């Protein structure tokens, strides 16, 4: 019996499937939070047709969250775990940096 390489172990054990599912869920969370923040802020700044920024922000928040979940989950499924975790960590560090001195 020969030893399996790491790529062969992933294929035999089905680890790649669960890695993609986990990355899709993590990407969906990343996409939802980032989409809601960016779209809500951008829509609230426009003021909307009637000059009511709060309603525009709510619409932007809702649509940005829905679109972000779809985009983030697709990103996670396509790029798998390593790249998705890297993006998630980068976004989290950016949002939690209160000094706004993020070099990225």
N, C-alpha and C. Protein backbone atom coordinates (compact mmCIF):
# COMPACT_ATOMS: atom_id res chain seq x y z
N UNK A 1 0.85 -1.18 0.00
CA UNK A 1 0.00 0.00 0.00
C UNK A 1 0.90 1.24 0.00
N UNK A 2 0.63 2.15 -0.90
CA UNK A 2 1.47 3.34 -0.99
C UNK A 2 0.88 4.49 -0.17
N UNK A 3 1.76 5.45 0.16
CA UNK A 3 1.31 6.63 0.90
C UNK A 3 0.67 7.62 -0.06
N UNK A 4 -0.36 8.28 0.42
CA UNK A 4 -1.05 9.27 -0.40
C UNK A 4 -0.46 10.65 -0.15
N UNK A 5 -0.42 11.45 -1.21
CA UNK A 5 -0.02 12.85 -1.07
C UNK A 5 -1.20 13.65 -0.54
N UNK A 6 -0.94 14.88 -0.09
CA UNK A 6 -1.99 15.70 0.52
C UNK A 6 -3.13 15.97 -0.46
N UNK A 7 -2.82 16.18 -1.72
CA UNK A 7 -3.89 16.42 -2.72
C UNK A 7 -4.76 15.18 -2.89
N UNK A 8 -4.12 14.02 -2.86
CA UNK A 8 -4.87 12.78 -3.00
C UNK A 8 -5.73 12.52 -1.77
N UNK A 9 -5.22 12.88 -0.59
CA UNK A 9 -5.99 12.70 0.64
C UNK A 9 -7.24 13.57 0.61
N UNK A 10 -7.10 14.80 0.15
CA UNK A 10 -8.26 15.70 0.04
C UNK A 10 -9.31 15.13 -0.90
N UNK A 11 -8.88 14.56 -2.01
CA UNK A 11 -9.83 14.00 -2.97
C UNK A 11 -10.53 12.76 -2.42
N UNK A 12 -9.78 11.90 -1.75
CA UNK A 12 -10.34 10.66 -1.23
C UNK A 12 -11.26 10.91 -0.05
N UNK A 13 -10.87 11.83 0.83
CA UNK A 13 -11.63 12.05 2.06
C UNK A 13 -12.82 12.99 1.87
N UNK A 14 -12.86 13.72 0.79
CA UNK A 14 -13.94 14.67 0.57
C UNK A 14 -13.72 15.99 1.28
N UNK A 15 -12.49 16.24 1.74
CA UNK A 15 -12.20 17.46 2.48
C UNK A 15 -12.37 18.70 1.61
N UNK A 16 -12.13 18.60 0.33
CA UNK A 16 -12.29 19.75 -0.55
C UNK A 16 -13.73 20.23 -0.60
N UNK A 17 -14.68 19.32 -0.54
CA UNK A 17 -16.09 19.69 -0.56
C UNK A 17 -16.47 20.51 0.67
N UNK A 18 -16.09 20.03 1.84
CA UNK A 18 -16.43 20.74 3.08
C UNK A 18 -15.67 22.05 3.21
N UNK A 19 -14.47 22.08 2.65
CA UNK A 19 -13.71 23.32 2.64
C UNK A 19 -14.41 24.37 1.79
N UNK A 20 -14.94 23.95 0.64
CA UNK A 20 -15.66 24.89 -0.22
C UNK A 20 -16.96 25.37 0.42
N UNK A 21 -17.67 24.47 1.09
CA UNK A 21 -18.91 24.87 1.76
C UNK A 21 -18.62 25.87 2.88
N UNK A 22 -17.60 25.59 3.68
CA UNK A 22 -17.22 26.51 4.75
C UNK A 22 -16.78 27.85 4.20
N UNK A 23 -16.01 27.83 3.11
CA UNK A 23 -15.57 29.08 2.49
C UNK A 23 -16.75 29.85 1.91
N UNK A 24 -17.75 29.14 1.39
CA UNK A 24 -18.95 29.81 0.88
C UNK A 24 -19.73 30.50 1.98
N UNK A 25 -19.83 29.85 3.13
CA UNK A 25 -20.54 30.45 4.27
C UNK A 25 -19.77 31.67 4.78
N UNK A 26 -18.45 31.52 4.94
CA UNK A 26 -17.63 32.64 5.40
C UNK A 26 -17.65 33.79 4.40
N UNK A 27 -17.60 33.46 3.12
CA UNK A 27 -17.69 34.50 2.09
C UNK A 27 -19.04 35.20 2.09
N UNK A 28 -20.10 34.45 2.37
CA UNK A 28 -21.43 35.06 2.47
C UNK A 28 -21.51 36.05 3.62
N UNK A 29 -20.92 35.69 4.75
CA UNK A 29 -20.89 36.61 5.90
C UNK A 29 -20.08 37.85 5.56
N UNK A 30 -18.93 37.65 4.96
CA UNK A 30 -18.08 38.77 4.55
C UNK A 30 -18.82 39.67 3.56
N UNK A 31 -19.44 39.06 2.57
CA UNK A 31 -20.15 39.85 1.55
C UNK A 31 -21.33 40.61 2.12
N UNK A 32 -22.06 39.97 3.05
CA UNK A 32 -23.21 40.64 3.65
C UNK A 32 -22.80 41.86 4.45
N UNK A 33 -21.81 41.70 5.32
CA UNK A 33 -21.40 42.82 6.16
C UNK A 33 -20.78 43.95 5.34
N UNK A 34 -19.92 43.60 4.41
CA UNK A 34 -19.28 44.63 3.59
C UNK A 34 -20.29 45.29 2.66
N UNK A 35 -21.16 44.48 2.06
CA UNK A 35 -22.18 45.04 1.16
C UNK A 35 -23.14 45.97 1.87
N UNK A 36 -23.57 45.58 3.08
CA UNK A 36 -24.48 46.44 3.83
C UNK A 36 -23.80 47.74 4.23
N UNK A 37 -22.55 47.67 4.66
CA UNK A 37 -21.84 48.88 5.07
C UNK A 37 -21.65 49.83 3.89
N UNK A 38 -21.10 49.30 2.82
CA UNK A 38 -20.77 50.17 1.68
C UNK A 38 -22.02 50.71 0.98
N UNK A 39 -22.99 49.85 0.72
CA UNK A 39 -24.19 50.30 0.02
C UNK A 39 -25.04 51.20 0.91
N UNK A 40 -25.11 50.91 2.20
CA UNK A 40 -25.88 51.75 3.12
C UNK A 40 -25.28 53.14 3.24
N UNK A 41 -23.97 53.21 3.33
CA UNK A 41 -23.30 54.52 3.42
C UNK A 41 -23.45 55.30 2.12
N UNK A 42 -23.22 54.63 1.00
CA UNK A 42 -23.32 55.32 -0.29
C UNK A 42 -24.74 55.80 -0.56
N UNK A 43 -25.74 54.97 -0.28
CA UNK A 43 -27.12 55.37 -0.53
C UNK A 43 -27.57 56.46 0.42
N UNK A 44 -27.13 56.40 1.66
CA UNK A 44 -27.50 57.43 2.63
C UNK A 44 -26.91 58.78 2.29
N UNK A 45 -25.73 58.78 1.66
CA UNK A 45 -25.09 60.05 1.28
C UNK A 45 -25.78 60.72 0.10
N UNK A 46 -26.47 59.94 -0.72
CA UNK A 46 -27.13 60.55 -1.88
C UNK A 46 -28.40 61.29 -1.50
N UNK A 47 -29.07 60.85 -0.46
CA UNK A 47 -30.28 61.53 -0.03
C UNK A 47 -31.53 61.05 -0.72
N UNK A 48 -31.41 60.34 -1.78
CA UNK A 48 -32.59 59.81 -2.46
C UNK A 48 -33.29 60.86 -3.28
N UNK A 49 -34.40 60.47 -3.85
CA UNK A 49 -35.16 61.36 -4.73
C UNK A 49 -35.80 62.49 -3.93
N UNK A 50 -36.35 62.18 -2.76
CA UNK A 50 -37.05 63.18 -1.96
C UNK A 50 -36.16 63.84 -0.90
N UNK A 51 -34.88 63.55 -0.94
CA UNK A 51 -33.98 64.14 0.03
C UNK A 51 -34.04 63.46 1.39
N UNK A 52 -34.54 62.25 1.44
CA UNK A 52 -34.64 61.50 2.69
C UNK A 52 -33.57 60.42 2.70
N UNK A 53 -32.43 60.76 3.24
CA UNK A 53 -31.30 59.86 3.23
C UNK A 53 -31.49 58.59 4.02
N UNK A 54 -32.32 58.64 5.06
CA UNK A 54 -32.52 57.45 5.89
C UNK A 54 -33.22 56.33 5.12
N UNK A 55 -34.17 56.69 4.28
CA UNK A 55 -34.85 55.67 3.47
C UNK A 55 -33.93 55.12 2.39
N UNK A 56 -33.14 56.00 1.81
CA UNK A 56 -32.16 55.55 0.81
C UNK A 56 -31.14 54.62 1.45
N UNK A 57 -30.70 54.95 2.65
CA UNK A 57 -29.74 54.10 3.34
C UNK A 57 -30.34 52.74 3.65
N UNK A 58 -31.61 52.70 4.03
CA UNK A 58 -32.28 51.43 4.32
C UNK A 58 -32.39 50.55 3.08
N UNK A 59 -32.73 51.17 1.96
CA UNK A 59 -32.80 50.42 0.70
C UNK A 59 -31.41 49.93 0.31
N UNK A 60 -30.42 50.80 0.42
CA UNK A 60 -29.05 50.41 0.10
C UNK A 60 -28.54 49.31 1.02
N UNK A 61 -28.89 49.40 2.29
CA UNK A 61 -28.50 48.38 3.26
C UNK A 61 -29.10 47.03 2.91
N UNK A 62 -30.37 47.02 2.54
CA UNK A 62 -31.06 45.77 2.20
C UNK A 62 -30.50 45.18 0.91
N UNK A 63 -30.43 45.98 -0.13
CA UNK A 63 -29.94 45.48 -1.42
C UNK A 63 -28.46 45.12 -1.36
N UNK A 64 -27.69 45.91 -0.65
CA UNK A 64 -26.27 45.60 -0.50
C UNK A 64 -26.03 44.31 0.27
N UNK A 65 -26.87 44.05 1.27
CA UNK A 65 -26.76 42.80 2.02
C UNK A 65 -27.10 41.60 1.18
N UNK A 66 -28.17 41.70 0.41
CA UNK A 66 -28.58 40.58 -0.45
C UNK A 66 -27.54 40.32 -1.54
N UNK A 67 -27.14 41.37 -2.21
CA UNK A 67 -26.12 41.22 -3.25
C UNK A 67 -24.79 40.77 -2.69
N UNK A 68 -24.45 41.26 -1.51
CA UNK A 68 -23.19 40.88 -0.87
C UNK A 68 -23.14 39.42 -0.49
N UNK A 69 -24.25 38.88 -0.01
CA UNK A 69 -24.31 37.46 0.34
C UNK A 69 -24.08 36.61 -0.90
N UNK A 70 -24.75 36.96 -1.99
CA UNK A 70 -24.60 36.19 -3.23
C UNK A 70 -23.17 36.28 -3.75
N UNK A 71 -22.64 37.48 -3.80
CA UNK A 71 -21.28 37.69 -4.30
C UNK A 71 -20.25 37.02 -3.40
N UNK A 72 -20.39 37.17 -2.09
CA UNK A 72 -19.43 36.59 -1.15
C UNK A 72 -19.46 35.08 -1.14
N UNK A 73 -20.65 34.50 -1.18
CA UNK A 73 -20.75 33.04 -1.21
C UNK A 73 -20.16 32.49 -2.50
N UNK A 74 -20.41 33.15 -3.61
CA UNK A 74 -19.82 32.72 -4.88
C UNK A 74 -18.29 32.82 -4.83
N UNK A 75 -17.80 33.89 -4.25
CA UNK A 75 -16.35 34.07 -4.11
C UNK A 75 -15.75 32.95 -3.27
N UNK A 76 -16.39 32.62 -2.16
CA UNK A 76 -15.90 31.55 -1.30
C UNK A 76 -15.92 30.20 -1.97
N UNK A 77 -16.98 29.89 -2.70
CA UNK A 77 -17.07 28.60 -3.39
C UNK A 77 -16.03 28.47 -4.49
N UNK A 78 -15.75 29.55 -5.18
CA UNK A 78 -14.80 29.50 -6.29
C UNK A 78 -13.35 29.49 -5.79
N UNK A 79 -13.03 30.32 -4.82
CA UNK A 79 -11.64 30.50 -4.39
C UNK A 79 -11.23 29.63 -3.22
N UNK A 80 -12.14 28.91 -2.63
CA UNK A 80 -11.88 27.98 -1.54
C UNK A 80 -11.42 28.71 -0.27
N UNK A 81 -11.01 27.93 0.69
CA UNK A 81 -10.84 28.40 2.06
C UNK A 81 -9.72 29.40 2.24
N UNK A 82 -8.52 29.12 1.73
CA UNK A 82 -7.35 29.95 2.02
C UNK A 82 -7.53 31.39 1.56
N UNK A 83 -7.95 31.58 0.34
CA UNK A 83 -8.14 32.93 -0.19
C UNK A 83 -9.30 33.65 0.49
N UNK A 84 -10.36 32.93 0.81
CA UNK A 84 -11.52 33.54 1.46
C UNK A 84 -11.18 34.00 2.87
N UNK A 85 -10.44 33.18 3.61
CA UNK A 85 -10.03 33.57 4.96
C UNK A 85 -9.12 34.79 4.91
N UNK A 86 -8.25 34.85 3.91
CA UNK A 86 -7.37 36.01 3.76
C UNK A 86 -8.19 37.29 3.55
N UNK A 87 -9.20 37.21 2.68
CA UNK A 87 -10.07 38.36 2.44
C UNK A 87 -10.88 38.73 3.68
N UNK A 88 -11.39 37.72 4.38
CA UNK A 88 -12.17 37.95 5.59
C UNK A 88 -11.32 38.64 6.65
N UNK A 89 -10.10 38.15 6.85
CA UNK A 89 -9.21 38.76 7.84
C UNK A 89 -8.85 40.19 7.47
N UNK A 90 -8.60 40.44 6.17
CA UNK A 90 -8.29 41.79 5.73
C UNK A 90 -9.45 42.75 5.96
N UNK A 91 -10.66 42.31 5.63
CA UNK A 91 -11.84 43.17 5.84
C UNK A 91 -12.11 43.40 7.32
N UNK A 92 -11.93 42.37 8.12
CA UNK A 92 -12.15 42.51 9.56
C UNK A 92 -11.14 43.47 10.18
N UNK A 93 -9.88 43.33 9.79
CA UNK A 93 -8.86 44.26 10.30
C UNK A 93 -9.15 45.68 9.86
N UNK A 94 -9.64 45.86 8.65
CA UNK A 94 -9.96 47.19 8.15
C UNK A 94 -11.11 47.82 8.94
N UNK A 95 -12.19 47.06 9.15
CA UNK A 95 -13.36 47.61 9.84
C UNK A 95 -13.09 47.85 11.32
N UNK A 96 -12.21 47.05 11.93
CA UNK A 96 -11.92 47.22 13.36
C UNK A 96 -10.78 48.20 13.64
N UNK A 97 -10.13 48.72 12.61
CA UNK A 97 -9.05 49.68 12.79
C UNK A 97 -9.66 51.06 13.03
N UNK A 98 -9.74 51.46 14.26
CA UNK A 98 -10.40 52.72 14.61
C UNK A 98 -9.55 53.95 14.27
N UNK A 99 -8.26 53.74 14.06
CA UNK A 99 -7.39 54.88 13.77
C UNK A 99 -7.38 55.23 12.27
N UNK A 100 -7.96 54.37 11.43
CA UNK A 100 -8.01 54.57 9.98
C UNK A 100 -6.62 54.70 9.37
N UNK A 101 -5.64 54.02 9.96
CA UNK A 101 -4.28 54.02 9.43
C UNK A 101 -3.96 52.71 8.76
N UNK A 102 -4.95 52.12 8.12
CA UNK A 102 -4.76 50.83 7.47
C UNK A 102 -3.99 51.05 6.16
N UNK A 103 -2.85 50.39 5.99
CA UNK A 103 -2.04 50.63 4.78
C UNK A 103 -2.62 50.01 3.52
N UNK A 104 -3.68 49.21 3.61
CA UNK A 104 -4.22 48.53 2.42
C UNK A 104 -5.05 49.47 1.59
